[in-house]
Amino acid sequence: MVRYEEFIRKFAGEFAENSVIDPEDFPDMELYADQVAELINARLAVYGKKRLLTASMINDFVKKGLLRAPQKKKYDRGQMIMMELILCLRAAYTPEDVAAVMRPFVENSKTVFDEKIDFESLYKALFPLYMQQRREAADRIVARVDVIKEAMREFGLDDDDTIEIFLVLLSMAAEADTAMYIGKRVLREYFDDSQR
């Protein structure tokens, strides 16, 4: 078995490079829900879930107002991009929170009065920043392993992988909890109508 630090280094690098879909990987043609699910699942295979997205989930996104309805049962590039963003939001927030965040964008896509938000251009602009953020997060995790190993050496516990792995996991959980808590407070402040 590979030492846990090597496993973390390897997987963190793989995840950082493969956890976001390149805008060029979204096809210029419209696809049916099952084709979209197949595309997104293939591109995000690093998540390890066989079916990160299904056609029924896509239909549910439309029913819940997270995504505008398809034209002739086909989804365009902008809708595919929105699906990836919905998956990202769902990893951290409740379905109700995701609906609150996505509602203004879906409403914008339906209106004839407002200028339409160009999700393709927005995503293309966001993509390099998103990739940088993923790489930096992976680098922080790898660096944290080294800090924890050094602290364990100072306490004379450097031969106990169980404690080291526990502290690494606890550290990652603390960072994720911080980001999620701040995100939820922002969401409640700016998207939750019941708070106003």
N, C-alpha and C. Protein backbone atom coordinates (compact mmCIF):
# COMPACT_ATOMS: atom_id res chain seq x y z
N MET A 1 0.85 -1.18 0.00
CA MET A 1 0.00 0.00 0.00
C MET A 1 0.89 1.25 0.00
N VAL A 2 0.50 2.23 -0.78
CA VAL A 2 1.24 3.49 -0.87
C VAL A 2 1.06 4.26 0.43
N ARG A 3 2.13 4.91 0.87
CA ARG A 3 2.03 5.75 2.07
C ARG A 3 0.96 6.81 1.85
N TYR A 4 0.26 7.16 2.91
CA TYR A 4 -0.86 8.08 2.77
C TYR A 4 -0.45 9.43 2.19
N GLU A 5 0.77 9.91 2.54
CA GLU A 5 1.17 11.22 2.02
C GLU A 5 1.35 11.20 0.50
N GLU A 6 1.86 10.09 0.00
CA GLU A 6 2.01 9.96 -1.46
C GLU A 6 0.65 9.85 -2.14
N PHE A 7 -0.25 9.11 -1.50
CA PHE A 7 -1.61 8.99 -2.03
C PHE A 7 -2.26 10.37 -2.09
N ILE A 8 -2.15 11.17 -1.02
CA ILE A 8 -2.74 12.51 -1.00
C ILE A 8 -2.12 13.38 -2.07
N ARG A 9 -0.79 13.36 -2.19
CA ARG A 9 -0.12 14.18 -3.22
C ARG A 9 -0.62 13.82 -4.62
N LYS A 10 -0.68 12.52 -4.89
CA LYS A 10 -1.09 12.06 -6.22
C LYS A 10 -2.56 12.41 -6.49
N PHE A 11 -3.43 12.09 -5.55
CA PHE A 11 -4.84 12.33 -5.78
C PHE A 11 -5.17 13.82 -5.79
N ALA A 12 -4.53 14.60 -4.93
CA ALA A 12 -4.78 16.05 -4.91
C ALA A 12 -4.43 16.66 -6.27
N GLY A 13 -3.32 16.23 -6.86
CA GLY A 13 -2.95 16.72 -8.18
C GLY A 13 -3.94 16.30 -9.25
N GLU A 14 -4.35 15.03 -9.21
CA GLU A 14 -5.34 14.53 -10.18
C GLU A 14 -6.67 15.28 -10.04
N PHE A 15 -7.09 15.48 -8.80
CA PHE A 15 -8.36 16.14 -8.57
C PHE A 15 -8.31 17.59 -9.04
N ALA A 16 -7.24 18.29 -8.71
CA ALA A 16 -7.13 19.70 -9.10
C ALA A 16 -7.22 19.86 -10.62
N GLU A 17 -6.64 18.93 -11.34
CA GLU A 17 -6.60 19.05 -12.81
C GLU A 17 -7.85 18.51 -13.51
N ASN A 18 -8.65 17.70 -12.81
CA ASN A 18 -9.77 17.02 -13.48
C ASN A 18 -11.13 17.21 -12.82
N SER A 19 -11.25 18.17 -11.92
CA SER A 19 -12.51 18.34 -11.20
C SER A 19 -13.36 19.49 -11.75
N VAL A 20 -12.90 20.09 -12.83
CA VAL A 20 -13.63 21.17 -13.49
C VAL A 20 -13.59 20.88 -14.99
N ILE A 21 -14.71 21.06 -15.65
CA ILE A 21 -14.76 20.79 -17.09
C ILE A 21 -14.27 22.01 -17.86
N ASP A 22 -13.32 21.77 -18.74
CA ASP A 22 -12.81 22.82 -19.61
C ASP A 22 -13.95 23.32 -20.49
N PRO A 23 -14.09 24.64 -20.65
CA PRO A 23 -15.20 25.15 -21.48
C PRO A 23 -15.19 24.61 -22.90
N GLU A 24 -14.01 24.28 -23.40
CA GLU A 24 -13.91 23.74 -24.75
C GLU A 24 -14.45 22.31 -24.86
N ASP A 25 -14.62 21.64 -23.72
CA ASP A 25 -15.13 20.27 -23.72
C ASP A 25 -16.65 20.19 -23.83
N PHE A 26 -17.32 21.34 -23.68
CA PHE A 26 -18.77 21.35 -23.88
C PHE A 26 -19.03 21.48 -25.38
N PRO A 27 -19.83 20.59 -25.95
CA PRO A 27 -20.05 20.63 -27.41
C PRO A 27 -20.89 21.84 -27.84
N ASP A 28 -20.69 22.24 -29.08
CA ASP A 28 -21.45 23.35 -29.65
C ASP A 28 -22.85 22.92 -30.07
N MET A 29 -23.13 21.64 -30.02
CA MET A 29 -24.45 21.16 -30.42
C MET A 29 -25.29 20.84 -29.20
N GLU A 30 -26.59 20.82 -29.40
CA GLU A 30 -27.50 20.51 -28.32
C GLU A 30 -27.55 19.00 -28.09
N LEU A 31 -27.75 18.61 -26.84
CA LEU A 31 -27.77 17.20 -26.47
C LEU A 31 -29.00 16.87 -25.64
N TYR A 32 -29.43 15.61 -25.71
CA TYR A 32 -30.48 15.12 -24.84
C TYR A 32 -29.92 14.94 -23.42
N ALA A 33 -30.81 14.87 -22.43
CA ALA A 33 -30.40 14.77 -21.03
C ALA A 33 -29.45 13.61 -20.78
N ASP A 34 -29.73 12.43 -21.33
CA ASP A 34 -28.85 11.28 -21.09
C ASP A 34 -27.47 11.50 -21.70
N GLN A 35 -27.40 12.22 -22.82
CA GLN A 35 -26.10 12.52 -23.45
C GLN A 35 -25.32 13.53 -22.60
N VAL A 36 -26.03 14.51 -22.06
CA VAL A 36 -25.39 15.50 -21.18
C VAL A 36 -24.83 14.80 -19.94
N ALA A 37 -25.64 13.94 -19.35
CA ALA A 37 -25.20 13.21 -18.15
C ALA A 37 -23.96 12.38 -18.46
N GLU A 38 -23.97 11.70 -19.59
CA GLU A 38 -22.82 10.88 -19.99
C GLU A 38 -21.57 11.74 -20.15
N LEU A 39 -21.71 12.89 -20.81
CA LEU A 39 -20.58 13.80 -21.02
C LEU A 39 -20.01 14.29 -19.69
N ILE A 40 -20.88 14.79 -18.83
CA ILE A 40 -20.41 15.35 -17.55
C ILE A 40 -19.82 14.26 -16.67
N ASN A 41 -20.44 13.10 -16.62
CA ASN A 41 -19.90 11.99 -15.83
C ASN A 41 -18.51 11.59 -16.32
N ALA A 42 -18.32 11.55 -17.62
CA ALA A 42 -17.02 11.18 -18.18
C ALA A 42 -15.96 12.22 -17.84
N ARG A 43 -16.32 13.50 -17.96
CA ARG A 43 -15.34 14.58 -17.70
C ARG A 43 -15.01 14.73 -16.22
N LEU A 44 -15.95 14.33 -15.34
CA LEU A 44 -15.74 14.48 -13.90
C LEU A 44 -15.56 13.12 -13.22
N ALA A 45 -14.97 12.18 -13.93
CA ALA A 45 -14.77 10.83 -13.40
C ALA A 45 -13.88 10.82 -12.15
N VAL A 46 -13.09 11.86 -11.95
CA VAL A 46 -12.21 11.93 -10.79
C VAL A 46 -12.99 11.90 -9.47
N TYR A 47 -14.28 12.26 -9.53
CA TYR A 47 -15.10 12.23 -8.32
C TYR A 47 -15.37 10.80 -7.86
N GLY A 48 -15.17 9.84 -8.75
CA GLY A 48 -15.28 8.45 -8.36
C GLY A 48 -16.69 7.91 -8.29
N LYS A 49 -17.68 8.75 -8.45
CA LYS A 49 -19.05 8.27 -8.46
C LYS A 49 -19.38 7.84 -9.88
N LYS A 50 -19.95 6.68 -9.98
CA LYS A 50 -20.26 6.18 -11.32
C LYS A 50 -21.22 7.12 -12.04
N ARG A 51 -22.20 7.64 -11.30
CA ARG A 51 -23.21 8.50 -11.91
C ARG A 51 -23.36 9.77 -11.08
N LEU A 52 -22.49 10.71 -11.31
CA LEU A 52 -22.55 12.00 -10.64
C LEU A 52 -23.81 12.76 -11.07
N LEU A 53 -24.21 12.54 -12.33
CA LEU A 53 -25.38 13.20 -12.90
C LEU A 53 -26.16 12.19 -13.73
N THR A 54 -27.48 12.23 -13.62
CA THR A 54 -28.34 11.35 -14.42
C THR A 54 -29.38 12.20 -15.16
N ALA A 55 -30.00 11.60 -16.15
CA ALA A 55 -31.06 12.30 -16.89
C ALA A 55 -32.21 12.69 -15.97
N SER A 56 -32.54 11.82 -15.01
CA SER A 56 -33.63 12.15 -14.09
C SER A 56 -33.25 13.32 -13.18
N MET A 57 -31.98 13.42 -12.81
CA MET A 57 -31.53 14.57 -12.01
C MET A 57 -31.67 15.85 -12.82
N ILE A 58 -31.31 15.79 -14.09
CA ILE A 58 -31.42 16.97 -14.96
C ILE A 58 -32.89 17.39 -15.06
N ASN A 59 -33.79 16.42 -15.26
CA ASN A 59 -35.22 16.73 -15.31
C ASN A 59 -35.67 17.36 -13.99
N ASP A 60 -35.15 16.86 -12.89
CA ASP A 60 -35.47 17.40 -11.57
C ASP A 60 -34.96 18.84 -11.43
N PHE A 61 -33.78 19.13 -11.97
CA PHE A 61 -33.25 20.50 -11.95
C PHE A 61 -34.24 21.45 -12.63
N VAL A 62 -34.79 21.01 -13.75
CA VAL A 62 -35.76 21.85 -14.49
C VAL A 62 -37.03 22.03 -13.67
N LYS A 63 -37.56 20.92 -13.11
CA LYS A 63 -38.80 20.98 -12.32
C LYS A 63 -38.66 21.89 -11.11
N LYS A 64 -37.47 21.89 -10.50
CA LYS A 64 -37.25 22.69 -9.29
C LYS A 64 -36.82 24.12 -9.60
N GLY A 65 -36.74 24.45 -10.87
CA GLY A 65 -36.40 25.82 -11.24
C GLY A 65 -34.93 26.15 -11.17
N LEU A 66 -34.06 25.14 -11.14
CA LEU A 66 -32.62 25.36 -11.11
C LEU A 66 -32.06 25.60 -12.51
N LEU A 67 -32.82 25.19 -13.50
CA LEU A 67 -32.35 25.19 -14.89
C LEU A 67 -33.54 25.46 -15.79
N ARG A 68 -33.33 26.27 -16.83
CA ARG A 68 -34.44 26.53 -17.74
C ARG A 68 -34.76 25.26 -18.53
N ALA A 69 -35.98 25.16 -18.96
CA ALA A 69 -36.44 23.97 -19.70
C ALA A 69 -35.72 23.85 -21.04
N PRO A 70 -35.52 22.61 -21.48
CA PRO A 70 -34.86 22.40 -22.76
C PRO A 70 -35.78 22.75 -23.93
N GLN A 71 -35.17 22.98 -25.06
CA GLN A 71 -35.93 23.20 -26.30
C GLN A 71 -35.95 21.87 -27.05
N LYS A 72 -37.13 21.35 -27.32
CA LYS A 72 -37.29 20.07 -28.02
C LYS A 72 -36.48 18.95 -27.34
N LYS A 73 -36.51 18.97 -26.00
CA LYS A 73 -35.85 17.97 -25.16
C LYS A 73 -34.33 17.99 -25.25
N LYS A 74 -33.76 19.05 -25.81
CA LYS A 74 -32.30 19.15 -25.92
C LYS A 74 -31.79 20.35 -25.15
N TYR A 75 -30.58 20.18 -24.60
CA TYR A 75 -29.94 21.21 -23.79
C TYR A 75 -28.78 21.82 -24.56
N ASP A 76 -28.68 23.14 -24.47
CA ASP A 76 -27.60 23.83 -25.16
C ASP A 76 -26.37 23.94 -24.27
N ARG A 77 -25.32 24.48 -24.84
CA ARG A 77 -24.04 24.61 -24.14
C ARG A 77 -24.17 25.40 -22.83
N GLY A 78 -24.92 26.50 -22.86
CA GLY A 78 -25.12 27.29 -21.65
C GLY A 78 -25.79 26.50 -20.54
N GLN A 79 -26.78 25.68 -20.90
CA GLN A 79 -27.46 24.84 -19.91
C GLN A 79 -26.52 23.77 -19.37
N MET A 80 -25.66 23.23 -20.23
CA MET A 80 -24.69 22.22 -19.76
C MET A 80 -23.73 22.83 -18.75
N ILE A 81 -23.30 24.04 -19.03
CA ILE A 81 -22.41 24.75 -18.10
C ILE A 81 -23.14 24.98 -16.78
N MET A 82 -24.40 25.40 -16.85
CA MET A 82 -25.17 25.60 -15.62
C MET A 82 -25.29 24.31 -14.82
N MET A 83 -25.42 23.18 -15.51
CA MET A 83 -25.51 21.89 -14.81
C MET A 83 -24.24 21.61 -14.01
N GLU A 84 -23.09 21.89 -14.61
CA GLU A 84 -21.85 21.68 -13.86
C GLU A 84 -21.79 22.59 -12.64
N LEU A 85 -22.21 23.83 -12.81
CA LEU A 85 -22.21 24.76 -11.68
C LEU A 85 -23.19 24.33 -10.60
N ILE A 86 -24.34 23.79 -11.00
CA ILE A 86 -25.31 23.27 -10.03
C ILE A 86 -24.70 22.11 -9.24
N LEU A 87 -24.00 21.22 -9.93
CA LEU A 87 -23.35 20.10 -9.24
C LEU A 87 -22.34 20.61 -8.22
N CYS A 88 -21.60 21.64 -8.60
CA CYS A 88 -20.62 22.22 -7.68
C CYS A 88 -21.32 22.81 -6.45
N LEU A 89 -22.38 23.55 -6.66
CA LEU A 89 -23.13 24.14 -5.54
C LEU A 89 -23.76 23.06 -4.66
N ARG A 90 -24.28 22.01 -5.29
CA ARG A 90 -24.94 20.94 -4.52
C ARG A 90 -23.99 20.22 -3.58
N ALA A 91 -22.71 20.26 -3.89
CA ALA A 91 -21.73 19.60 -3.01
C ALA A 91 -21.63 20.30 -1.66
N ALA A 92 -22.00 21.58 -1.61
CA ALA A 92 -21.83 22.34 -0.38
C ALA A 92 -23.13 22.84 0.23
N TYR A 93 -24.17 22.98 -0.58
CA TYR A 93 -25.38 23.63 -0.10
C TYR A 93 -26.61 22.74 -0.25
N THR A 94 -27.64 23.07 0.50
CA THR A 94 -28.89 22.31 0.44
C THR A 94 -29.57 22.55 -0.91
N PRO A 95 -30.47 21.65 -1.31
CA PRO A 95 -31.20 21.87 -2.56
C PRO A 95 -31.96 23.21 -2.57
N GLU A 96 -32.50 23.60 -1.42
CA GLU A 96 -33.22 24.88 -1.33
C GLU A 96 -32.27 26.06 -1.54
N ASP A 97 -31.07 25.96 -0.98
CA ASP A 97 -30.08 27.01 -1.15
C ASP A 97 -29.65 27.12 -2.61
N VAL A 98 -29.44 25.98 -3.24
CA VAL A 98 -29.03 25.98 -4.66
C VAL A 98 -30.14 26.60 -5.50
N ALA A 99 -31.38 26.26 -5.20
CA ALA A 99 -32.51 26.84 -5.94
C ALA A 99 -32.54 28.36 -5.77
N ALA A 100 -32.30 28.83 -4.56
CA ALA A 100 -32.30 30.28 -4.31
C ALA A 100 -31.21 30.98 -5.10
N VAL A 101 -30.04 30.35 -5.19
CA VAL A 101 -28.92 30.94 -5.93
C VAL A 101 -29.19 30.92 -7.44
N MET A 102 -29.76 29.84 -7.94
CA MET A 102 -29.96 29.69 -9.37
C MET A 102 -31.20 30.42 -9.89
N ARG A 103 -32.17 30.67 -9.03
CA ARG A 103 -33.43 31.29 -9.45
C ARG A 103 -33.24 32.57 -10.28
N PRO A 104 -32.41 33.53 -9.85
CA PRO A 104 -32.27 34.75 -10.67
C PRO A 104 -31.74 34.48 -12.08
N PHE A 105 -30.90 33.47 -12.22
CA PHE A 105 -30.34 33.15 -13.53
C PHE A 105 -31.38 32.49 -14.44
N VAL A 106 -32.20 31.63 -13.85
CA VAL A 106 -33.26 30.98 -14.62
C VAL A 106 -34.29 32.03 -15.04
N GLU A 107 -34.64 32.90 -14.10
CA GLU A 107 -35.60 33.97 -14.43
C GLU A 107 -35.03 34.89 -15.51
N ASN A 108 -33.75 35.18 -15.45
CA ASN A 108 -33.11 36.01 -16.47
C ASN A 108 -33.21 35.36 -17.85
N SER A 109 -33.06 34.03 -17.89
CA SER A 109 -33.09 33.34 -19.17
C SER A 109 -34.49 33.34 -19.79
N LYS A 110 -35.52 33.57 -18.98
CA LYS A 110 -36.89 33.54 -19.46
C LYS A 110 -37.42 34.92 -19.84
N THR A 111 -36.83 35.97 -19.31
CA THR A 111 -37.36 37.31 -19.52
C THR A 111 -37.03 37.85 -20.90
N VAL A 112 -37.90 38.70 -21.40
CA VAL A 112 -37.62 39.37 -22.67
C VAL A 112 -37.19 40.82 -22.43
N PHE A 113 -37.21 41.25 -21.17
CA PHE A 113 -36.91 42.64 -20.85
C PHE A 113 -35.45 42.86 -20.46
N ASP A 114 -34.85 41.94 -19.74
CA ASP A 114 -33.47 42.10 -19.28
C ASP A 114 -32.48 41.55 -20.29
N GLU A 115 -31.27 42.08 -20.21
CA GLU A 115 -30.19 41.54 -21.04
C GLU A 115 -29.85 40.14 -20.52
N LYS A 116 -29.72 39.20 -21.42
CA LYS A 116 -29.45 37.82 -21.03
C LYS A 116 -28.01 37.66 -20.52
N ILE A 117 -27.87 36.85 -19.49
CA ILE A 117 -26.54 36.53 -18.97
C ILE A 117 -25.93 35.48 -19.88
N ASP A 118 -24.75 35.74 -20.35
CA ASP A 118 -24.04 34.82 -21.26
C ASP A 118 -23.19 33.87 -20.41
N PHE A 119 -23.77 32.71 -20.08
CA PHE A 119 -23.06 31.75 -19.23
C PHE A 119 -21.82 31.18 -19.89
N GLU A 120 -21.82 31.07 -21.18
CA GLU A 120 -20.62 30.56 -21.87
C GLU A 120 -19.45 31.50 -21.65
N SER A 121 -19.65 32.79 -21.87
CA SER A 121 -18.56 33.77 -21.69
C SER A 121 -18.16 33.87 -20.23
N LEU A 122 -19.15 33.85 -19.35
CA LEU A 122 -18.88 33.91 -17.92
C LEU A 122 -18.03 32.71 -17.49
N TYR A 123 -18.40 31.54 -17.95
CA TYR A 123 -17.68 30.32 -17.58
C TYR A 123 -16.26 30.33 -18.16
N LYS A 124 -16.12 30.79 -19.39
CA LYS A 124 -14.78 30.87 -19.99
C LYS A 124 -13.89 31.81 -19.20
N ALA A 125 -14.45 32.92 -18.73
CA ALA A 125 -13.67 33.86 -17.91
C ALA A 125 -13.36 33.27 -16.54
N LEU A 126 -14.29 32.52 -15.99
CA LEU A 126 -14.14 31.92 -14.67
C LEU A 126 -13.19 30.74 -14.65
N PHE A 127 -13.14 29.99 -15.73
CA PHE A 127 -12.40 28.73 -15.77
C PHE A 127 -10.95 28.84 -15.29
N PRO A 128 -10.13 29.77 -15.79
CA PRO A 128 -8.74 29.84 -15.31
C PRO A 128 -8.65 30.12 -13.81
N LEU A 129 -9.53 30.98 -13.33
CA LEU A 129 -9.54 31.29 -11.90
C LEU A 129 -9.96 30.06 -11.08
N TYR A 130 -10.96 29.35 -11.58
CA TYR A 130 -11.45 28.15 -10.91
C TYR A 130 -10.36 27.08 -10.86
N MET A 131 -9.63 26.91 -11.95
CA MET A 131 -8.53 25.94 -11.98
C MET A 131 -7.43 26.36 -11.01
N GLN A 132 -7.09 27.63 -10.98
CA GLN A 132 -6.08 28.12 -10.05
C GLN A 132 -6.51 27.87 -8.61
N GLN A 133 -7.77 28.11 -8.32
CA GLN A 133 -8.30 27.89 -6.98
C GLN A 133 -8.19 26.40 -6.60
N ARG A 134 -8.52 25.51 -7.52
CA ARG A 134 -8.41 24.08 -7.24
C ARG A 134 -6.96 23.67 -7.00
N ARG A 135 -6.05 24.19 -7.82
CA ARG A 135 -4.62 23.87 -7.66
C ARG A 135 -4.09 24.38 -6.33
N GLU A 136 -4.47 25.60 -5.96
CA GLU A 136 -4.02 26.17 -4.69
C GLU A 136 -4.56 25.37 -3.51
N ALA A 137 -5.81 24.95 -3.59
CA ALA A 137 -6.39 24.13 -2.52
C ALA A 137 -5.65 22.81 -2.40
N ALA A 138 -5.34 22.17 -3.53
CA ALA A 138 -4.58 20.91 -3.50
C ALA A 138 -3.20 21.15 -2.92
N ASP A 139 -2.55 22.24 -3.30
CA ASP A 139 -1.22 22.56 -2.76
C ASP A 139 -1.29 22.80 -1.25
N ARG A 140 -2.34 23.47 -0.76
CA ARG A 140 -2.50 23.71 0.68
C ARG A 140 -2.64 22.39 1.44
N ILE A 141 -3.39 21.46 0.86
CA ILE A 141 -3.58 20.17 1.51
C ILE A 141 -2.26 19.42 1.60
N VAL A 142 -1.52 19.40 0.52
CA VAL A 142 -0.22 18.72 0.50
C VAL A 142 0.74 19.38 1.49
N ALA A 143 0.76 20.71 1.53
CA ALA A 143 1.63 21.42 2.47
C ALA A 143 1.22 21.14 3.91
N ARG A 144 -0.08 21.02 4.14
CA ARG A 144 -0.58 20.75 5.49
C ARG A 144 -0.10 19.40 5.99
N VAL A 145 -0.01 18.43 5.09
CA VAL A 145 0.52 17.12 5.47
C VAL A 145 1.92 17.27 6.02
N ASP A 146 2.76 18.06 5.34
CA ASP A 146 4.14 18.27 5.80
C ASP A 146 4.18 18.96 7.15
N VAL A 147 3.33 19.95 7.37
CA VAL A 147 3.28 20.67 8.65
C VAL A 147 2.86 19.71 9.77
N ILE A 148 1.86 18.90 9.50
CA ILE A 148 1.37 17.96 10.51
C ILE A 148 2.44 16.91 10.81
N LYS A 149 3.12 16.43 9.78
CA LYS A 149 4.19 15.44 10.00
C LYS A 149 5.29 16.03 10.88
N GLU A 150 5.64 17.29 10.63
CA GLU A 150 6.68 17.95 11.44
C GLU A 150 6.21 18.10 12.88
N ALA A 151 4.97 18.50 13.08
CA ALA A 151 4.43 18.62 14.44
C ALA A 151 4.42 17.27 15.15
N MET A 152 4.09 16.24 14.42
CA MET A 152 4.08 14.89 15.00
C MET A 152 5.49 14.48 15.41
N ARG A 153 6.49 14.83 14.60
CA ARG A 153 7.88 14.53 14.95
C ARG A 153 8.28 15.22 16.25
N GLU A 154 7.87 16.48 16.39
CA GLU A 154 8.20 17.25 17.60
C GLU A 154 7.60 16.62 18.85
N PHE A 155 6.44 15.99 18.71
CA PHE A 155 5.79 15.33 19.85
C PHE A 155 6.19 13.86 19.99
N GLY A 156 7.08 13.41 19.13
CA GLY A 156 7.54 12.03 19.20
C GLY A 156 6.49 11.02 18.74
N LEU A 157 5.56 11.46 17.93
CA LEU A 157 4.48 10.58 17.47
C LEU A 157 4.57 10.31 15.97
N ASP A 158 5.74 10.51 15.39
CA ASP A 158 5.86 10.44 13.94
C ASP A 158 5.76 9.03 13.38
N ASP A 159 5.62 8.04 14.21
CA ASP A 159 5.46 6.68 13.70
C ASP A 159 4.00 6.23 13.75
N ASP A 160 3.08 7.14 14.06
CA ASP A 160 1.67 6.79 14.18
C ASP A 160 0.87 7.40 13.03
N ASP A 161 0.75 6.63 11.95
CA ASP A 161 0.02 7.11 10.77
C ASP A 161 -1.45 7.39 11.07
N THR A 162 -2.05 6.63 11.97
CA THR A 162 -3.47 6.81 12.28
C THR A 162 -3.72 8.21 12.82
N ILE A 163 -2.88 8.67 13.75
CA ILE A 163 -3.04 10.01 14.30
C ILE A 163 -2.75 11.06 13.22
N GLU A 164 -1.71 10.84 12.43
CA GLU A 164 -1.38 11.79 11.36
C GLU A 164 -2.54 11.94 10.38
N ILE A 165 -3.08 10.82 9.93
CA ILE A 165 -4.19 10.87 8.97
C ILE A 165 -5.39 11.55 9.61
N PHE A 166 -5.67 11.24 10.86
CA PHE A 166 -6.77 11.90 11.57
C PHE A 166 -6.58 13.41 11.58
N LEU A 167 -5.38 13.89 11.89
CA LEU A 167 -5.12 15.33 11.94
C LEU A 167 -5.21 15.97 10.55
N VAL A 168 -4.77 15.26 9.53
CA VAL A 168 -4.89 15.78 8.15
C VAL A 168 -6.37 15.90 7.80
N LEU A 169 -7.15 14.87 8.09
CA LEU A 169 -8.58 14.91 7.78
C LEU A 169 -9.29 15.99 8.58
N LEU A 170 -8.93 16.14 9.83
CA LEU A 170 -9.52 17.18 10.68
C LEU A 170 -9.19 18.57 10.13
N SER A 171 -7.97 18.75 9.68
CA SER A 171 -7.55 20.02 9.10
C SER A 171 -8.33 20.33 7.83
N MET A 172 -8.51 19.33 6.96
CA MET A 172 -9.29 19.54 5.74
C MET A 172 -10.75 19.85 6.08
N ALA A 173 -11.29 19.16 7.07
CA ALA A 173 -12.68 19.40 7.48
C ALA A 173 -12.84 20.82 8.01
N ALA A 174 -11.87 21.30 8.76
CA ALA A 174 -11.94 22.66 9.31
C ALA A 174 -11.94 23.70 8.19
N GLU A 175 -11.13 23.49 7.16
CA GLU A 175 -11.10 24.43 6.03
C GLU A 175 -12.42 24.38 5.26
N ALA A 176 -12.92 23.18 5.01
CA ALA A 176 -14.18 23.04 4.29
C ALA A 176 -15.33 23.65 5.10
N ASP A 177 -15.34 23.43 6.41
CA ASP A 177 -16.38 23.97 7.28
C ASP A 177 -16.35 25.50 7.26
N THR A 178 -15.17 26.07 7.30
CA THR A 178 -15.03 27.53 7.27
C THR A 178 -15.61 28.09 5.98
N ALA A 179 -15.22 27.52 4.85
CA ALA A 179 -15.71 27.99 3.55
C ALA A 179 -17.22 27.81 3.44
N MET A 180 -17.73 26.66 3.88
CA MET A 180 -19.16 26.41 3.77
C MET A 180 -19.96 27.32 4.69
N TYR A 181 -19.48 27.55 5.90
CA TYR A 181 -20.21 28.40 6.84
C TYR A 181 -20.28 29.83 6.32
N ILE A 182 -19.16 30.35 5.83
CA ILE A 182 -19.16 31.70 5.28
C ILE A 182 -20.07 31.76 4.06
N GLY A 183 -19.98 30.75 3.19
CA GLY A 183 -20.85 30.70 2.01
C GLY A 183 -22.32 30.68 2.39
N LYS A 184 -22.68 29.91 3.40
CA LYS A 184 -24.08 29.83 3.81
C LYS A 184 -24.56 31.16 4.38
N ARG A 185 -23.70 31.85 5.10
CA ARG A 185 -24.09 33.17 5.62
C ARG A 185 -24.30 34.16 4.49
N VAL A 186 -23.42 34.13 3.48
CA VAL A 186 -23.58 35.01 2.33
C VAL A 186 -24.87 34.66 1.59
N LEU A 187 -25.11 33.38 1.41
CA LEU A 187 -26.32 32.93 0.73
C LEU A 187 -27.57 33.41 1.46
N ARG A 188 -27.60 33.26 2.77
CA ARG A 188 -28.76 33.69 3.55
C ARG A 188 -28.96 35.20 3.44
N GLU A 189 -27.88 35.94 3.45
CA GLU A 189 -27.95 37.40 3.41
C GLU A 189 -28.44 37.92 2.07
N TYR A 190 -28.02 37.30 0.98
CA TYR A 190 -28.29 37.86 -0.34
C TYR A 190 -29.29 37.09 -1.20
N PHE A 191 -29.60 35.84 -0.84
CA PHE A 191 -30.50 35.06 -1.68
C PHE A 191 -31.72 34.53 -0.96
N ASP A 192 -31.74 34.56 0.36
CA ASP A 192 -32.86 34.00 1.11
C ASP A 192 -33.90 35.10 1.38
N ASP A 193 -35.00 35.04 0.66
CA ASP A 193 -36.05 36.06 0.81
C ASP A 193 -36.68 36.06 2.20
N SER A 194 -36.69 34.92 2.88
CA SER A 194 -37.33 34.86 4.20
C SER A 194 -36.54 35.64 5.24
N GLN A 195 -35.28 35.96 4.96
CA GLN A 195 -34.45 36.70 5.91
C GLN A 195 -34.63 38.22 5.80
N ARG A 196 -35.39 38.65 4.80
CA ARG A 196 -35.53 40.11 4.57
C ARG A 196 -36.83 40.64 5.10
